[in-house]
Amino acid sequence: MMSEKSLLDSGEELVWSGKPSAIWFAVRRAWKPSLVGILLLFASISYLLGPAFKQLPGQSEQSLNNLIAISRGLYTAAGIVGAGGILAAICLWLRATRTTYLLTNRRVVIDTAGPIPRRTSMPLEHVRFIEYRSKLIGPADLVFNETRRFSLDGWGLRGEGFIATADAKQIEGLVRGAIEKTFATRTRGPWQ
């Protein structure tokens, strides 16, 4: 994993850095596939542990075997999809453990190391809004932009920012202060 200093440009100062709460990050990003996964795994396991099919009066043995084969295939597929949903949550948890959030005097950085590294770097003058999303359970989110894309948490708008961060309210103040300093020291107008 890269050090925080290696992510900074020359002349750039670190204002704040932190990491997401890994379990809450995974819950926020993958609660839908995890829920479907748990339900499908439960259905698959209950089929395997449940009573066997019985031949009904007037039913041929061939039709009973066909029914058993079809249901076995469907429940096996459900088990595979269910395991995939739970695996998605585990992958997001691992991704969160390798993610670092940085706020500098020039930009907001979300850096994820690992087998598929990803870095989002947003100049402070391009932060159009800051949305503090408090949660009933777990740490809050600080969202800087909404992107429309397909992801594990569904289609449509998805917030990008400091997700599942402790002290998000304090960090919001730091981000706002850094943005105001950026505009106060710039000789050009915003977004030029």
C-alpha atoms as a PDB file:
ATOM      1  CA  MET A   1       0.000   0.000   0.000  1.00  0.00           C
ATOM      2  CA  MET A   2       1.261   3.450  -0.870  1.00  0.00           C
ATOM      3  CA  SER A   3       2.038   5.923   1.869  1.00  0.00           C
ATOM      4  CA  GLU A   4      -0.104   9.023   2.184  1.00  0.00           C
ATOM      5  CA  LYS A   5       2.888  11.238   1.366  1.00  0.00           C
ATOM      6  CA  SER A   6       3.406   9.451  -1.967  1.00  0.00           C
ATOM      7  CA  LEU A   7      -0.147  10.396  -3.008  1.00  0.00           C
ATOM      8  CA  LEU A   8       0.532  14.117  -2.582  1.00  0.00           C
ATOM      9  CA  ASP A   9       1.684  16.388  -5.404  1.00  0.00           C
ATOM     10  CA  SER A  10       4.550  18.802  -4.863  1.00  0.00           C
ATOM     11  CA  GLY A  11       3.462  21.762  -2.754  1.00  0.00           C
ATOM     12  CA  GLU A  12       0.321  19.960  -1.617  1.00  0.00           C
ATOM     13  CA  GLU A  13      -0.465  19.757   2.103  1.00  0.00           C
ATOM     14  CA  LEU A  14      -2.408  17.019   3.852  1.00  0.00           C
ATOM     15  CA  VAL A  15      -5.378  18.408   5.799  1.00  0.00           C
ATOM     16  CA  TRP A  16      -6.959  15.097   6.892  1.00  0.00           C
ATOM     17  CA  SER A  17      -6.699  11.396   6.176  1.00  0.00           C
ATOM     18  CA  GLY A  18      -8.714   8.431   7.330  1.00  0.00           C
ATOM     19  CA  LYS A  19     -10.160   5.047   6.481  1.00  0.00           C
ATOM     20  CA  PRO A  20     -13.739   3.856   6.190  1.00  0.00           C
ATOM     21  CA  SER A  21     -15.286   1.490   8.676  1.00  0.00           C
ATOM     22  CA  ALA A  22     -14.892  -1.674   6.585  1.00  0.00           C
ATOM     23  CA  ILE A  23     -17.961  -3.527   7.808  1.00  0.00           C
ATOM     24  CA  TRP A  24     -20.254  -0.508   7.397  1.00  0.00           C
ATOM     25  CA  PHE A  25     -18.785   0.241   3.968  1.00  0.00           C
ATOM     26  CA  ALA A  26     -19.631  -3.312   2.873  1.00  0.00           C
ATOM     27  CA  VAL A  27     -23.108  -3.099   4.391  1.00  0.00           C
ATOM     28  CA  ARG A  28     -23.841   0.216   2.633  1.00  0.00           C
ATOM     29  CA  ARG A  29     -22.569  -0.913  -0.753  1.00  0.00           C
ATOM     30  CA  ALA A  30     -23.751  -4.536  -0.841  1.00  0.00           C
ATOM     31  CA  TRP A  31     -26.826  -4.867   1.338  1.00  0.00           C
ATOM     32  CA  LYS A  32     -29.092  -5.741  -1.597  1.00  0.00           C
ATOM     33  CA  PRO A  33     -26.997  -8.557  -3.102  1.00  0.00           C
ATOM     34  CA  SER A  34     -26.199  -9.839   0.393  1.00  0.00           C
ATOM     35  CA  LEU A  35     -29.868  -9.997   1.333  1.00  0.00           C
ATOM     36  CA  VAL A  36     -30.749 -11.812  -1.905  1.00  0.00           C
ATOM     37  CA  GLY A  37     -27.739 -14.081  -1.385  1.00  0.00           C
ATOM     38  CA  ILE A  38     -28.778 -15.029   2.131  1.00  0.00           C
ATOM     39  CA  LEU A  39     -32.357 -15.731   1.028  1.00  0.00           C
ATOM     40  CA  LEU A  40     -31.240 -17.858  -1.928  1.00  0.00           C
ATOM     41  CA  LEU A  41     -28.738 -19.785   0.173  1.00  0.00           C
ATOM     42  CA  PHE A  42     -31.410 -20.388   2.810  1.00  0.00           C
ATOM     43  CA  ALA A  43     -33.808 -21.680   0.129  1.00  0.00           C
ATOM     44  CA  SER A  44     -31.116 -23.891  -1.368  1.00  0.00           C
ATOM     45  CA  ILE A  45     -30.061 -25.366   1.967  1.00  0.00           C
ATOM     46  CA  SER A  46     -33.659 -25.905   3.071  1.00  0.00           C
ATOM     47  CA  TYR A  47     -34.291 -27.799  -0.172  1.00  0.00           C
ATOM     48  CA  LEU A  48     -31.275 -30.022   0.423  1.00  0.00           C
ATOM     49  CA  LEU A  49     -32.208 -30.682   4.045  1.00  0.00           C
ATOM     50  CA  GLY A  50     -35.969 -30.833   3.470  1.00  0.00           C
ATOM     51  CA  PRO A  51     -38.187 -33.825   2.785  1.00  0.00           C
ATOM     52  CA  ALA A  52     -37.681 -35.733  -0.442  1.00  0.00           C
ATOM     53  CA  PHE A  53     -40.204 -35.675  -3.274  1.00  0.00           C
ATOM     54  CA  LYS A  54     -42.820 -38.421  -3.136  1.00  0.00           C
ATOM     55  CA  GLN A  55     -44.445 -40.030  -6.088  1.00  0.00           C
ATOM     56  CA  LEU A  56     -48.086 -39.013  -6.290  1.00  0.00           C
ATOM     57  CA  PRO A  57     -50.799 -41.475  -7.316  1.00  0.00           C
ATOM     58  CA  GLY A  58     -51.000 -41.585 -11.114  1.00  0.00           C
ATOM     59  CA  GLN A  59     -47.587 -39.941 -11.537  1.00  0.00           C
ATOM     60  CA  SER A  60     -45.007 -41.846 -13.527  1.00  0.00           C
ATOM     61  CA  GLU A  61     -41.550 -42.456 -12.157  1.00  0.00           C
ATOM     62  CA  GLN A  62     -40.056 -40.625 -15.161  1.00  0.00           C
ATOM     63  CA  SER A  63     -42.015 -37.432 -14.410  1.00  0.00           C
ATOM     64  CA  LEU A  64     -40.931 -37.625 -10.762  1.00  0.00           C
ATOM     65  CA  ASN A  65     -37.285 -37.966 -11.825  1.00  0.00           C
ATOM     66  CA  ASN A  66     -37.692 -34.998 -14.189  1.00  0.00           C
ATOM     67  CA  LEU A  67     -39.185 -32.899 -11.381  1.00  0.00           C
ATOM     68  CA  ILE A  68     -36.329 -33.839  -9.050  1.00  0.00           C
ATOM     69  CA  ALA A  69     -33.699 -33.018 -11.692  1.00  0.00           C
ATOM     70  CA  ILE A  70     -35.259 -29.637 -12.526  1.00  0.00           C
ATOM     71  CA  SER A  71     -35.661 -28.621  -8.894  1.00  0.00           C
ATOM     72  CA  ARG A  72     -32.138 -29.796  -8.053  1.00  0.00           C
ATOM     73  CA  GLY A  73     -30.781 -27.657 -10.907  1.00  0.00           C
ATOM     74  CA  LEU A  74     -32.793 -24.602  -9.871  1.00  0.00           C
ATOM     75  CA  TYR A  75     -31.781 -24.828  -6.228  1.00  0.00           C
ATOM     76  CA  THR A  76     -28.149 -25.422  -7.149  1.00  0.00           C
ATOM     77  CA  ALA A  77     -28.230 -22.291  -9.319  1.00  0.00           C
ATOM     78  CA  ALA A  78     -29.902 -20.412  -6.457  1.00  0.00           C
ATOM     79  CA  GLY A  79     -27.135 -21.557  -4.123  1.00  0.00           C
ATOM     80  CA  ILE A  80     -24.446 -20.373  -6.546  1.00  0.00           C
ATOM     81  CA  VAL A  81     -26.100 -16.964  -6.991  1.00  0.00           C
ATOM     82  CA  GLY A  82     -26.587 -16.732  -3.226  1.00  0.00           C
ATOM     83  CA  ALA A  83     -22.934 -17.473  -2.563  1.00  0.00           C
ATOM     84  CA  GLY A  84     -22.036 -14.811  -5.152  1.00  0.00           C
ATOM     85  CA  GLY A  85     -24.110 -12.202  -3.316  1.00  0.00           C
ATOM     86  CA  ILE A  86     -22.352 -12.936  -0.053  1.00  0.00           C
ATOM     87  CA  LEU A  87     -18.979 -13.020  -1.817  1.00  0.00           C
ATOM     88  CA  ALA A  88     -19.714  -9.507  -3.159  1.00  0.00           C
ATOM     89  CA  ALA A  89     -20.073  -8.205   0.393  1.00  0.00           C
ATOM     90  CA  ILE A  90     -16.819  -9.892   1.404  1.00  0.00           C
ATOM     91  CA  CYS A  91     -15.019  -8.345  -1.592  1.00  0.00           C
ATOM     92  CA  LEU A  92     -16.323  -4.893  -0.677  1.00  0.00           C
ATOM     93  CA  TRP A  93     -15.220  -5.409   2.917  1.00  0.00           C
ATOM     94  CA  LEU A  94     -11.715  -6.285   1.686  1.00  0.00           C
ATOM     95  CA  ARG A  95     -11.756  -3.258  -0.617  1.00  0.00           C
ATOM     96  CA  ALA A  96     -12.694  -1.000   2.300  1.00  0.00           C
ATOM     97  CA  THR A  97      -9.785  -2.291   4.385  1.00  0.00           C
ATOM     98  CA  ARG A  98      -7.459  -1.126   1.594  1.00  0.00           C
ATOM     99  CA  THR A  99      -9.098   2.275   1.052  1.00  0.00           C
ATOM    100  CA  THR A 100      -7.683   5.551   2.291  1.00  0.00           C
ATOM    101  CA  TYR A 101      -9.477   8.898   2.232  1.00  0.00           C
ATOM    102  CA  LEU A 102      -7.373  12.048   1.875  1.00  0.00           C
ATOM    103  CA  LEU A 103      -8.251  15.718   2.034  1.00  0.00           C
ATOM    104  CA  THR A 104      -5.505  18.051   0.898  1.00  0.00           C
ATOM    105  CA  ASN A 105      -5.394  21.786   0.392  1.00  0.00           C
ATOM    106  CA  ARG A 106      -6.107  21.155  -3.333  1.00  0.00           C
ATOM    107  CA  ARG A 107      -8.222  18.025  -3.723  1.00  0.00           C
ATOM    108  CA  VAL A 108     -10.188  15.128  -2.283  1.00  0.00           C
ATOM    109  CA  VAL A 109      -8.647  11.689  -2.883  1.00  0.00           C
ATOM    110  CA  ILE A 110     -10.169   8.230  -2.472  1.00  0.00           C
ATOM    111  CA  ASP A 111      -7.363   5.698  -2.947  1.00  0.00           C
ATOM    112  CA  THR A 112      -7.907   1.939  -3.008  1.00  0.00           C
ATOM    113  CA  ALA A 113      -4.918  -0.392  -3.217  1.00  0.00           C
ATOM    114  CA  GLY A 114      -5.010  -4.090  -3.996  1.00  0.00           C
ATOM    115  CA  PRO A 115      -5.341  -6.350  -7.007  1.00  0.00           C
ATOM    116  CA  ILE A 116      -7.551  -3.826  -8.819  1.00  0.00           C
ATOM    117  CA  PRO A 117      -6.292  -0.430  -7.635  1.00  0.00           C
ATOM    118  CA  ARG A 118      -8.502   2.603  -8.015  1.00  0.00           C
ATOM    119  CA  ARG A 119      -7.937   6.262  -7.255  1.00  0.00           C
ATOM    120  CA  THR A 120     -10.508   9.033  -7.436  1.00  0.00           C
ATOM    121  CA  SER A 121      -8.994  12.502  -7.251  1.00  0.00           C
ATOM    122  CA  MET A 122     -11.328  15.476  -7.314  1.00  0.00           C
ATOM    123  CA  PRO A 123      -9.983  19.060  -7.244  1.00  0.00           C
ATOM    124  CA  LEU A 124     -11.674  21.092  -4.531  1.00  0.00           C
ATOM    125  CA  GLU A 125     -12.911  23.657  -7.052  1.00  0.00           C
ATOM    126  CA  HIS A 126     -14.845  20.844  -8.776  1.00  0.00           C
ATOM    127  CA  VAL A 127     -16.700  19.761  -5.648  1.00  0.00           C
ATOM    128  CA  ARG A 128     -20.176  21.071  -6.526  1.00  0.00           C
ATOM    129  CA  PHE A 129     -21.893  19.980  -3.334  1.00  0.00           C
ATOM    130  CA  ILE A 130     -21.157  18.280  -0.047  1.00  0.00           C
ATOM    131  CA  GLU A 131     -23.907  16.123   1.383  1.00  0.00           C
ATOM    132  CA  TYR A 132     -23.705  14.847   4.922  1.00  0.00           C
ATOM    133  CA  ARG A 133     -25.770  11.648   5.133  1.00  0.00           C
ATOM    134  CA  SER A 134     -26.327  10.615   8.712  1.00  0.00           C
ATOM    135  CA  LYS A 135     -27.340   7.033   9.413  1.00  0.00           C
ATOM    136  CA  LEU A 136     -29.444   5.510  12.151  1.00  0.00           C
ATOM    137  CA  ILE A 137     -26.846   2.813  12.705  1.00  0.00           C
ATOM    138  CA  GLY A 138     -23.151   3.141  11.987  1.00  0.00           C
ATOM    139  CA  PRO A 139     -20.968   6.017  10.862  1.00  0.00           C
ATOM    140  CA  ALA A 140     -22.212   8.716   8.496  1.00  0.00           C
ATOM    141  CA  ASP A 141     -21.319   9.334   4.845  1.00  0.00           C
ATOM    142  CA  LEU A 142     -19.938  12.483   3.257  1.00  0.00           C
ATOM    143  CA  VAL A 143     -20.878  12.538  -0.440  1.00  0.00           C
ATOM    144  CA  PHE A 144     -19.226  14.879  -2.966  1.00  0.00           C
ATOM    145  CA  ASN A 145     -20.857  13.812  -6.210  1.00  0.00           C
ATOM    146  CA  GLU A 146     -23.436  11.430  -7.559  1.00  0.00           C
ATOM    147  CA  THR A 147     -22.491   9.172 -10.431  1.00  0.00           C
ATOM    148  CA  ARG A 148     -24.918   7.182 -12.534  1.00  0.00           C
ATOM    149  CA  ARG A 149     -23.603   3.685 -13.070  1.00  0.00           C
ATOM    150  CA  PHE A 150     -24.274   0.047 -12.440  1.00  0.00           C
ATOM    151  CA  SER A 151     -22.659  -1.265  -9.302  1.00  0.00           C
ATOM    152  CA  LEU A 152     -23.249  -3.748  -6.535  1.00  0.00           C
ATOM    153  CA  ASP A 153     -25.643  -1.358  -4.854  1.00  0.00           C
ATOM    154  CA  GLY A 154     -27.896  -1.189  -7.906  1.00  0.00           C
ATOM    155  CA  TRP A 155     -28.569   0.964 -10.917  1.00  0.00           C
ATOM    156  CA  GLY A 156     -28.957   4.695 -10.811  1.00  0.00           C
ATOM    157  CA  LEU A 157     -27.262   7.384  -8.798  1.00  0.00           C
ATOM    158  CA  ARG A 158     -24.564   6.315  -6.412  1.00  0.00           C
ATOM    159  CA  GLY A 159     -22.825   8.654  -4.019  1.00  0.00           C
ATOM    160  CA  GLU A 160     -19.051   8.980  -4.233  1.00  0.00           C
ATOM    161  CA  GLY A 161     -17.201  10.352  -1.265  1.00  0.00           C
ATOM    162  CA  PHE A 162     -16.066   9.429   2.205  1.00  0.00           C
ATOM    163  CA  ILE A 163     -18.431   6.505   2.903  1.00  0.00           C
ATOM    164  CA  ALA A 164     -18.795   5.093   6.447  1.00  0.00           C
ATOM    165  CA  THR A 165     -16.453   7.623   8.039  1.00  0.00           C
ATOM    166  CA  ALA A 166     -16.196   8.329  11.728  1.00  0.00           C
ATOM    167  CA  ASP A 167     -16.555  12.038  12.593  1.00  0.00           C
ATOM    168  CA  ALA A 168     -18.074  12.858   9.189  1.00  0.00           C
ATOM    169  CA  LYS A 169     -19.582  16.074  10.572  1.00  0.00           C
ATOM    170  CA  GLN A 170     -16.134  17.351  11.572  1.00  0.00           C
ATOM    171  CA  ILE A 171     -14.678  16.270   8.224  1.00  0.00           C
ATOM    172  CA  GLU A 172     -17.462  18.165   6.436  1.00  0.00           C
ATOM    173  CA  GLY A 173     -16.263  21.347   8.143  1.00  0.00           C
ATOM    174  CA  LEU A 174     -12.674  20.627   7.103  1.00  0.00           C
ATOM    175  CA  VAL A 175     -13.712  20.104   3.479  1.00  0.00           C
ATOM    176  CA  ARG A 176     -15.772  23.313   3.443  1.00  0.00           C
ATOM    177  CA  GLY A 177     -12.878  25.232   4.984  1.00  0.00           C
ATOM    178  CA  ALA A 178     -10.417  23.825   2.421  1.00  0.00           C
ATOM    179  CA  ILE A 179     -12.772  24.795  -0.421  1.00  0.00           C
ATOM    180  CA  GLU A 180     -13.121  28.346   0.905  1.00  0.00           C
ATOM    181  CA  LYS A 181      -9.334  28.685   1.199  1.00  0.00           C
ATOM    182  CA  THR A 182      -8.961  27.392  -2.367  1.00  0.00           C
ATOM    183  CA  PHE A 183     -11.295  30.059  -3.730  1.00  0.00           C
ATOM    184  CA  ALA A 184      -9.773  32.778  -1.550  1.00  0.00           C
ATOM    185  CA  THR A 185      -6.254  32.111  -2.867  1.00  0.00           C
ATOM    186  CA  ARG A 186      -7.133  31.579  -6.553  1.00  0.00           C
ATOM    187  CA  THR A 187      -6.558  34.315  -9.094  1.00  0.00           C
ATOM    188  CA  ARG A 188      -9.004  32.751 -11.574  1.00  0.00           C
ATOM    189  CA  GLY A 189     -12.735  32.287 -11.154  1.00  0.00           C
ATOM    190  CA  PRO A 190     -14.221  28.991 -10.012  1.00  0.00           C
ATOM    191  CA  TRP A 191     -14.166  26.035 -12.455  1.00  0.00           C
ATOM    192  CA  GLN A 192     -11.844  27.702 -14.965  1.00  0.00           C
END
